[in-house]
Amino acid sequence: QLNAIYDEARAVFRTQNHLDEKGFSRAPAKTVQPSSDIAFVAVHAGMAAQ
């Protein structure tokens, strides 16, 4: 009976935290820097010399 209560509590915890049955996260990976914000970077000769 105690094992059933424990298993049910673990299942609720995993579903609330988007984990699979083994406890691994299945949420989309977060990126450190969003790449979609940079649309265009102006480049001209002599930029490295400045």
C-alpha atoms as a PDB file:
ATOM      1  CA  GLN A   1       0.000   0.000   0.000  1.00  0.00           C
ATOM      2  CA  LEU A   2       2.840   2.383   0.829  1.00  0.00           C
ATOM      3  CA  ASN A   3       4.531   1.604  -2.496  1.00  0.00           C
ATOM      4  CA  ALA A   4       1.360   2.508  -4.389  1.00  0.00           C
ATOM      5  CA  ILE A   5       1.140   5.877  -2.616  1.00  0.00           C
ATOM      6  CA  TYR A   6       4.841   6.521  -3.337  1.00  0.00           C
ATOM      7  CA  ASP A   7       4.453   5.580  -7.015  1.00  0.00           C
ATOM      8  CA  GLU A   8       1.430   7.856  -7.369  1.00  0.00           C
ATOM      9  CA  ALA A   9       3.270  10.771  -5.747  1.00  0.00           C
ATOM     10  CA  ARG A  10       6.259  10.258  -8.071  1.00  0.00           C
ATOM     11  CA  ALA A  11       3.983  10.158 -11.109  1.00  0.00           C
ATOM     12  CA  VAL A  12       2.351  13.445 -10.105  1.00  0.00           C
ATOM     13  CA  PHE A  13       5.767  15.033  -9.502  1.00  0.00           C
ATOM     14  CA  ARG A  14       7.063  13.874 -12.895  1.00  0.00           C
ATOM     15  CA  THR A  15       4.048  15.190 -14.784  1.00  0.00           C
ATOM     16  CA  GLN A  16       4.174  18.572 -13.053  1.00  0.00           C
ATOM     17  CA  ASN A  17       7.886  18.940 -13.860  1.00  0.00           C
ATOM     18  CA  HIS A  18       7.653  17.628 -17.462  1.00  0.00           C
ATOM     19  CA  LEU A  19       9.743  14.529 -16.753  1.00  0.00           C
ATOM     20  CA  ASP A  20       9.442  11.130 -18.404  1.00  0.00           C
ATOM     21  CA  GLU A  21       9.152   7.807 -16.529  1.00  0.00           C
ATOM     22  CA  LYS A  22      12.903   7.643 -15.895  1.00  0.00           C
ATOM     23  CA  GLY A  23      13.059  11.198 -14.548  1.00  0.00           C
ATOM     24  CA  PHE A  24      14.650  12.806 -17.606  1.00  0.00           C
ATOM     25  CA  SER A  25      13.493  16.243 -18.676  1.00  0.00           C
ATOM     26  CA  ARG A  26      11.596  16.290 -21.967  1.00  0.00           C
ATOM     27  CA  ALA A  27      11.118  20.065 -22.049  1.00  0.00           C
ATOM     28  CA  PRO A  28      12.589  21.931 -25.021  1.00  0.00           C
ATOM     29  CA  ALA A  29      16.251  22.818 -24.591  1.00  0.00           C
ATOM     30  CA  LYS A  30      16.902  26.387 -23.540  1.00  0.00           C
ATOM     31  CA  THR A  31      19.493  28.378 -25.449  1.00  0.00           C
ATOM     32  CA  VAL A  32      21.931  30.680 -23.694  1.00  0.00           C
ATOM     33  CA  GLN A  33      21.608  33.437 -26.279  1.00  0.00           C
ATOM     34  CA  PRO A  34      18.544  33.689 -28.486  1.00  0.00           C
ATOM     35  CA  SER A  35      19.752  33.627 -32.079  1.00  0.00           C
ATOM     36  CA  SER A  36      16.559  35.054 -33.573  1.00  0.00           C
ATOM     37  CA  ASP A  37      17.160  38.565 -32.178  1.00  0.00           C
ATOM     38  CA  ILE A  38      20.143  39.389 -34.425  1.00  0.00           C
ATOM     39  CA  ALA A  39      18.841  40.200 -37.888  1.00  0.00           C
ATOM     40  CA  PHE A  40      21.746  42.078 -39.511  1.00  0.00           C
ATOM     41  CA  VAL A  41      25.252  43.164 -38.559  1.00  0.00           C
ATOM     42  CA  ALA A  42      26.838  45.936 -40.611  1.00  0.00           C
ATOM     43  CA  VAL A  43      30.337  45.052 -41.816  1.00  0.00           C
ATOM     44  CA  HIS A  44      32.845  47.403 -43.382  1.00  0.00           C
ATOM     45  CA  ALA A  45      36.542  47.410 -44.204  1.00  0.00           C
ATOM     46  CA  GLY A  46      38.856  48.220 -41.326  1.00  0.00           C
ATOM     47  CA  MET A  47      36.556  47.089 -38.506  1.00  0.00           C
ATOM     48  CA  ALA A  48      39.329  45.103 -36.811  1.00  0.00           C
ATOM     49  CA  ALA A  49      41.643  48.125 -36.740  1.00  0.00           C
ATOM     50  CA  GLN A  50      39.259  50.222 -34.639  1.00  0.00           C
END
